[in-house]
Amino acid sequence: MPDPSRLRDSTQIVLPCGALDGMEDHIENQFTVTVFRDHDHCRIIGSPVEIKAVGEYLTRQGITLR
């Protein structure tokens, strides 16, 4: 059986909302993901393929991922 934490890591990106600087709408329109605000953190949730694409996009925008 797969490790739940590994599955979670491949289907979401968690960042401080300030790191996205209002890019939430653009990300949701460009990729098939949902951006969920949880207090001071934002979760970008989607399929592993979409999360990988969003991660690459964020990296090109200068946002460091954990």
PDB file of N, CA and C in Angstrom:
ATOM      1  N   MET A   1       0.840  -1.174   0.000  1.00  0.00           N
ATOM      2  CA  MET A   1       0.000   0.000   0.000  1.00  0.00           C
ATOM      3  C   MET A   1       0.889   1.243   0.000  1.00  0.00           C
ATOM      4  N   PRO A   2       0.549   2.262  -0.799  1.00  0.00           N
ATOM      5  CA  PRO A   2       1.360   3.474  -0.863  1.00  0.00           C
ATOM      6  C   PRO A   2       1.353   4.252   0.454  1.00  0.00           C
ATOM      7  N   ASP A   3       2.431   4.947   0.691  1.00  0.00           N
ATOM      8  CA  ASP A   3       2.561   5.801   1.869  1.00  0.00           C
ATOM      9  C   ASP A   3       1.705   7.052   1.668  1.00  0.00           C
ATOM     10  N   PRO A   4       0.754   7.347   2.573  1.00  0.00           N
ATOM     11  CA  PRO A   4      -0.131   8.507   2.398  1.00  0.00           C
ATOM     12  C   PRO A   4       0.610   9.839   2.280  1.00  0.00           C
ATOM     13  N   SER A   5       1.692  10.018   3.017  1.00  0.00           N
ATOM     14  CA  SER A   5       2.416  11.291   2.946  1.00  0.00           C
ATOM     15  C   SER A   5       3.061  11.476   1.572  1.00  0.00           C
ATOM     16  N   ARG A   6       3.481  10.390   0.963  1.00  0.00           N
ATOM     17  CA  ARG A   6       4.068  10.479  -0.377  1.00  0.00           C
ATOM     18  C   ARG A   6       3.003  10.843  -1.413  1.00  0.00           C
ATOM     19  N   LEU A   7       1.822  10.254  -1.291  1.00  0.00           N
ATOM     20  CA  LEU A   7       0.723  10.605  -2.187  1.00  0.00           C
ATOM     21  C   LEU A   7       0.340  12.068  -2.020  1.00  0.00           C
ATOM     22  N   ARG A   8       0.271  12.525  -0.776  1.00  0.00           N
ATOM     23  CA  ARG A   8      -0.085  13.914  -0.493  1.00  0.00           C
ATOM     24  C   ARG A   8       0.943  14.865  -1.113  1.00  0.00           C
ATOM     25  N   ASP A   9       2.220  14.528  -1.012  1.00  0.00           N
ATOM     26  CA  ASP A   9       3.268  15.377  -1.583  1.00  0.00           C
ATOM     27  C   ASP A   9       3.162  15.472  -3.100  1.00  0.00           C
ATOM     28  N   SER A  10       2.644  14.440  -3.742  1.00  0.00           N
ATOM     29  CA  SER A  10       2.548  14.472  -5.201  1.00  0.00           C
ATOM     30  C   SER A  10       1.252  15.092  -5.695  1.00  0.00           C
ATOM     31  N   THR A  11       0.337  15.420  -4.774  1.00  0.00           N
ATOM     32  CA  THR A  11      -0.942  15.991  -5.195  1.00  0.00           C
ATOM     33  C   THR A  11      -1.205  17.375  -4.613  1.00  0.00           C
ATOM     34  N   GLN A  12      -0.232  17.947  -3.920  1.00  0.00           N
ATOM     35  CA  GLN A  12      -0.422  19.293  -3.392  1.00  0.00           C
ATOM     36  C   GLN A  12       0.904  20.008  -3.195  1.00  0.00           C
ATOM     37  N   ILE A  13       0.814  21.320  -3.243  1.00  0.00           N
ATOM     38  CA  ILE A  13       1.942  22.192  -2.906  1.00  0.00           C
ATOM     39  C   ILE A  13       1.421  23.116  -1.814  1.00  0.00           C
ATOM     40  N   VAL A  14       2.160  23.249  -0.728  1.00  0.00           N
ATOM     41  CA  VAL A  14       1.773  24.126   0.374  1.00  0.00           C
ATOM     42  C   VAL A  14       2.798  25.247   0.467  1.00  0.00           C
ATOM     43  N   LEU A  15       2.293  26.476   0.399  1.00  0.00           N
ATOM     44  CA  LEU A  15       3.147  27.664   0.453  1.00  0.00           C
ATOM     45  C   LEU A  15       2.502  28.728   1.324  1.00  0.00           C
ATOM     46  N   PRO A  16       3.303  29.642   1.863  1.00  0.00           N
ATOM     47  CA  PRO A  16       2.688  30.815   2.486  1.00  0.00           C
ATOM     48  C   PRO A  16       1.934  31.585   1.395  1.00  0.00           C
ATOM     49  N   CYS A  17       0.736  32.050   1.704  1.00  0.00           N
ATOM     50  CA  CYS A  17      -0.065  32.741   0.685  1.00  0.00           C
ATOM     51  C   CYS A  17       0.656  33.966   0.123  1.00  0.00           C
ATOM     52  N   GLY A  18       1.482  34.597   0.928  1.00  0.00           N
ATOM     53  CA  GLY A  18       2.227  35.753   0.453  1.00  0.00           C
ATOM     54  C   GLY A  18       3.178  35.424  -0.683  1.00  0.00           C
ATOM     55  N   ALA A  19       3.621  34.180  -0.760  1.00  0.00           N
ATOM     56  CA  ALA A  19       4.540  33.777  -1.826  1.00  0.00           C
ATOM     57  C   ALA A  19       3.863  33.798  -3.188  1.00  0.00           C
ATOM     58  N   LEU A  20       2.549  33.624  -3.208  1.00  0.00           N
ATOM     59  CA  LEU A  20       1.842  33.594  -4.485  1.00  0.00           C
ATOM     60  C   LEU A  20       1.523  34.995  -5.019  1.00  0.00           C
ATOM     61  N   ASP A  21       1.559  36.018  -4.154  1.00  0.00           N
ATOM     62  CA  ASP A  21       1.339  37.408  -4.573  1.00  0.00           C
ATOM     63  C   ASP A  21       0.180  37.573  -5.551  1.00  0.00           C
ATOM     64  N   GLY A  22      -0.984  37.028  -5.211  1.00  0.00           N
ATOM     65  CA  GLY A  22      -2.161  37.201  -6.049  1.00  0.00           C
ATOM     66  C   GLY A  22      -2.178  36.381  -7.322  1.00  0.00           C
ATOM     67  N   MET A  23      -1.318  35.381  -7.438  1.00  0.00           N
ATOM     68  CA  MET A  23      -1.278  34.546  -8.640  1.00  0.00           C
ATOM     69  C   MET A  23      -2.281  33.402  -8.593  1.00  0.00           C
ATOM     70  N   GLU A  24      -3.084  33.325  -7.518  1.00  0.00           N
ATOM     71  CA  GLU A  24      -3.996  32.198  -7.345  1.00  0.00           C
ATOM     72  C   GLU A  24      -4.928  32.030  -8.546  1.00  0.00           C
ATOM     73  N   ASP A  25      -5.560  33.117  -8.990  1.00  0.00           N
ATOM     74  CA  ASP A  25      -6.498  33.032 -10.117  1.00  0.00           C
ATOM     75  C   ASP A  25      -5.794  32.582 -11.395  1.00  0.00           C
ATOM     76  N   HIS A  26      -4.620  33.120 -11.646  1.00  0.00           N
ATOM     77  CA  HIS A  26      -3.871  32.728 -12.843  1.00  0.00           C
ATOM     78  C   HIS A  26      -3.536  31.239 -12.803  1.00  0.00           C
ATOM     79  N   ILE A  27      -3.107  30.759 -11.658  1.00  0.00           N
ATOM     80  CA  ILE A  27      -2.744  29.345 -11.524  1.00  0.00           C
ATOM     81  C   ILE A  27      -3.968  28.465 -11.754  1.00  0.00           C
ATOM     82  N   GLU A  28      -5.116  28.843 -11.167  1.00  0.00           N
ATOM     83  CA  GLU A  28      -6.325  28.044 -11.348  1.00  0.00           C
ATOM     84  C   GLU A  28      -6.819  28.077 -12.799  1.00  0.00           C
ATOM     85  N   ASN A  29      -6.587  29.190 -13.496  1.00  0.00           N
ATOM     86  CA  ASN A  29      -7.012  29.286 -14.897  1.00  0.00           C
ATOM     87  C   ASN A  29      -6.050  28.579 -15.842  1.00  0.00           C
ATOM     88  N   GLN A  30      -4.765  28.586 -15.516  1.00  0.00           N
ATOM     89  CA  GLN A  30      -3.737  27.997 -16.382  1.00  0.00           C
ATOM     90  C   GLN A  30      -3.639  26.482 -16.216  1.00  0.00           C
ATOM     91  N   PHE A  31      -3.865  26.004 -14.996  1.00  0.00           N
ATOM     92  CA  PHE A  31      -3.694  24.588 -14.674  1.00  0.00           C
ATOM     93  C   PHE A  31      -4.993  24.035 -14.093  1.00  0.00           C
ATOM     94  N   THR A  32      -5.154  22.725 -14.148  1.00  0.00           N
ATOM     95  CA  THR A  32      -6.342  22.080 -13.583  1.00  0.00           C
ATOM     96  C   THR A  32      -6.063  21.758 -12.118  1.00  0.00           C
ATOM     97  N   VAL A  33      -6.094  22.812 -11.300  1.00  0.00           N
ATOM     98  CA  VAL A  33      -5.836  22.703  -9.866  1.00  0.00           C
ATOM     99  C   VAL A  33      -6.797  23.623  -9.118  1.00  0.00           C
ATOM    100  N   THR A  34      -6.823  23.459  -7.815  1.00  0.00           N
ATOM    101  CA  THR A  34      -7.583  24.339  -6.937  1.00  0.00           C
ATOM    102  C   THR A  34      -6.618  24.935  -5.925  1.00  0.00           C
ATOM    103  N   VAL A  35      -6.725  26.243  -5.703  1.00  0.00           N
ATOM    104  CA  VAL A  35      -5.929  26.909  -4.680  1.00  0.00           C
ATOM    105  C   VAL A  35      -6.846  27.128  -3.480  1.00  0.00           C
ATOM    106  N   PHE A  36      -6.472  26.570  -2.354  1.00  0.00           N
ATOM    107  CA  PHE A  36      -7.266  26.623  -1.136  1.00  0.00           C
ATOM    108  C   PHE A  36      -6.498  27.414  -0.090  1.00  0.00           C
ATOM    109  N   ARG A  37      -7.094  28.496   0.412  1.00  0.00           N
ATOM    110  CA  ARG A  37      -6.473  29.298   1.475  1.00  0.00           C
ATOM    111  C   ARG A  37      -6.802  28.689   2.828  1.00  0.00           C
ATOM    112  N   ASP A  38      -5.775  28.443   3.631  1.00  0.00           N
ATOM    113  CA  ASP A  38      -5.930  27.881   4.973  1.00  0.00           C
ATOM    114  C   ASP A  38      -5.143  28.766   5.927  1.00  0.00           C
ATOM    115  N   HIS A  39      -5.796  29.792   6.441  1.00  0.00           N
ATOM    116  CA  HIS A  39      -5.181  30.808   7.297  1.00  0.00           C
ATOM    117  C   HIS A  39      -4.049  31.502   6.530  1.00  0.00           C
ATOM    118  N   ASP A  40      -2.802  31.290   6.942  1.00  0.00           N
ATOM    119  CA  ASP A  40      -1.686  31.977   6.289  1.00  0.00           C
ATOM    120  C   ASP A  40      -0.994  31.125   5.232  1.00  0.00           C
ATOM    121  N   HIS A  41      -1.482  29.913   4.994  1.00  0.00           N
ATOM    122  CA  HIS A  41      -0.893  29.037   3.976  1.00  0.00           C
ATOM    123  C   HIS A  41      -1.895  28.767   2.860  1.00  0.00           C
ATOM    124  N   CYS A  42      -1.386  28.569   1.671  1.00  0.00           N
ATOM    125  CA  CYS A  42      -2.203  28.195   0.520  1.00  0.00           C
ATOM    126  C   CYS A  42      -1.818  26.782   0.095  1.00  0.00           C
ATOM    127  N   ARG A  43      -2.826  25.996  -0.220  1.00  0.00           N
ATOM    128  CA  ARG A  43      -2.614  24.643  -0.743  1.00  0.00           C
ATOM    129  C   ARG A  43      -3.047  24.648  -2.201  1.00  0.00           C
ATOM    130  N   ILE A  44      -2.163  24.224  -3.062  1.00  0.00           N
ATOM    131  CA  ILE A  44      -2.488  24.038  -4.473  1.00  0.00           C
ATOM    132  C   ILE A  44      -2.694  22.535  -4.629  1.00  0.00           C
ATOM    133  N   ILE A  45      -3.912  22.141  -4.977  1.00  0.00           N
ATOM    134  CA  ILE A  45      -4.286  20.727  -4.993  1.00  0.00           C
ATOM    135  C   ILE A  45      -4.660  20.323  -6.408  1.00  0.00           C
ATOM    136  N   GLY A  46      -4.122  19.186  -6.859  1.00  0.00           N
ATOM    137  CA  GLY A  46      -4.433  18.672  -8.187  1.00  0.00           C
ATOM    138  C   GLY A  46      -3.791  17.317  -8.406  1.00  0.00           C
ATOM    139  N   SER A  47      -3.872  16.849  -9.632  1.00  0.00           N
ATOM    140  CA  SER A  47      -3.271  15.552  -9.972  1.00  0.00           C
ATOM    141  C   SER A  47      -1.749  15.678  -9.934  1.00  0.00           C
ATOM    142  N   PRO A  48      -1.049  14.560  -9.796  1.00  0.00           N
ATOM    143  CA  PRO A  48       0.419  14.619  -9.786  1.00  0.00           C
ATOM    144  C   PRO A  48       1.006  15.313 -11.025  1.00  0.00           C
ATOM    145  N   VAL A  49       0.409  15.091 -12.178  1.00  0.00           N
ATOM    146  CA  VAL A  49       0.908  15.719 -13.405  1.00  0.00           C
ATOM    147  C   VAL A  49       0.737  17.234 -13.334  1.00  0.00           C
ATOM    148  N   GLU A  50      -0.432  17.685 -12.900  1.00  0.00           N
ATOM    149  CA  GLU A  50      -0.681  19.127 -12.795  1.00  0.00           C
ATOM    150  C   GLU A  50       0.173  19.768 -11.707  1.00  0.00           C
ATOM    151  N   ILE A  51       0.345  19.081 -10.582  1.00  0.00           N
ATOM    152  CA  ILE A  51       1.175  19.623  -9.504  1.00  0.00           C
ATOM    153  C   ILE A  51       2.611  19.784  -9.968  1.00  0.00           C
ATOM    154  N   LYS A  52       3.105  18.832 -10.727  1.00  0.00           N
ATOM    155  CA  LYS A  52       4.467  18.950 -11.270  1.00  0.00           C
ATOM    156  C   LYS A  52       4.566  20.163 -12.183  1.00  0.00           C
ATOM    157  N   ALA A  53       3.573  20.371 -13.040  1.00  0.00           N
ATOM    158  CA  ALA A  53       3.581  21.516 -13.953  1.00  0.00           C
ATOM    159  C   ALA A  53       3.500  22.838 -13.185  1.00  0.00           C
ATOM    160  N   VAL A  54       2.666  22.889 -12.156  1.00  0.00           N
ATOM    161  CA  VAL A  54       2.563  24.103 -11.338  1.00  0.00           C
ATOM    162  C   VAL A  54       3.887  24.349 -10.616  1.00  0.00           C
ATOM    163  N   GLY A  55       4.494  23.298 -10.101  1.00  0.00           N
ATOM    164  CA  GLY A  55       5.786  23.444  -9.423  1.00  0.00           C
ATOM    165  C   GLY A  55       6.845  24.014 -10.345  1.00  0.00           C
ATOM    166  N   GLU A  56       6.874  23.535 -11.585  1.00  0.00           N
ATOM    167  CA  GLU A  56       7.827  24.067 -12.563  1.00  0.00           C
ATOM    168  C   GLU A  56       7.527  25.524 -12.879  1.00  0.00           C
ATOM    169  N   TYR A  57       6.252  25.856 -13.014  1.00  0.00           N
ATOM    170  CA  TYR A  57       5.841  27.244 -13.271  1.00  0.00           C
ATOM    171  C   TYR A  57       6.280  28.151 -12.113  1.00  0.00           C
ATOM    172  N   LEU A  58       5.996  27.730 -10.885  1.00  0.00           N
ATOM    173  CA  LEU A  58       6.351  28.541  -9.721  1.00  0.00           C
ATOM    174  C   LEU A  58       7.872  28.727  -9.634  1.00  0.00           C
ATOM    175  N   THR A  59       8.624  27.688  -9.937  1.00  0.00           N
ATOM    176  CA  THR A  59      10.076  27.786  -9.911  1.00  0.00           C
ATOM    177  C   THR A  59      10.559  28.814 -10.933  1.00  0.00           C
ATOM    178  N   ARG A  60       9.953  28.799 -12.127  1.00  0.00           N
ATOM    179  CA  ARG A  60      10.330  29.799 -13.155  1.00  0.00           C
ATOM    180  C   ARG A  60       9.969  31.216 -12.712  1.00  0.00           C
ATOM    181  N   GLN A  61       8.975  31.341 -11.826  1.00  0.00           N
ATOM    182  CA  GLN A  61       8.581  32.653 -11.313  1.00  0.00           C
ATOM    183  C   GLN A  61       9.437  33.079 -10.130  1.00  0.00           C
ATOM    184  N   GLY A  62      10.390  32.239  -9.729  1.00  0.00           N
ATOM    185  CA  GLY A  62      11.299  32.567  -8.630  1.00  0.00           C
ATOM    186  C   GLY A  62      10.796  32.163  -7.265  1.00  0.00           C
ATOM    187  N   ILE A  63       9.780  31.326  -7.217  1.00  0.00           N
ATOM    188  CA  ILE A  63       9.241  30.858  -5.942  1.00  0.00           C
ATOM    189  C   ILE A  63       9.894  29.529  -5.590  1.00  0.00           C
ATOM    190  N   THR A  64      10.520  29.482  -4.417  1.00  0.00           N
ATOM    191  CA  THR A  64      11.201  28.284  -3.971  1.00  0.00           C
ATOM    192  C   THR A  64      10.213  27.329  -3.327  1.00  0.00           C
ATOM    193  N   LEU A  65      10.243  26.078  -3.759  1.00  0.00           N
ATOM    194  CA  LEU A  65       9.376  25.051  -3.183  1.00  0.00           C
ATOM    195  C   LEU A  65      10.160  24.230  -2.187  1.00  0.00           C
ATOM    196  N   ARG A  66       9.483  23.733  -1.178  1.00  0.00           N
ATOM    197  CA  ARG A  66      10.139  22.907  -0.157  1.00  0.00           C
ATOM    198  C   ARG A  66      10.485  21.557  -0.697  1.00  0.00           C
TER     199      ARG A  66
END
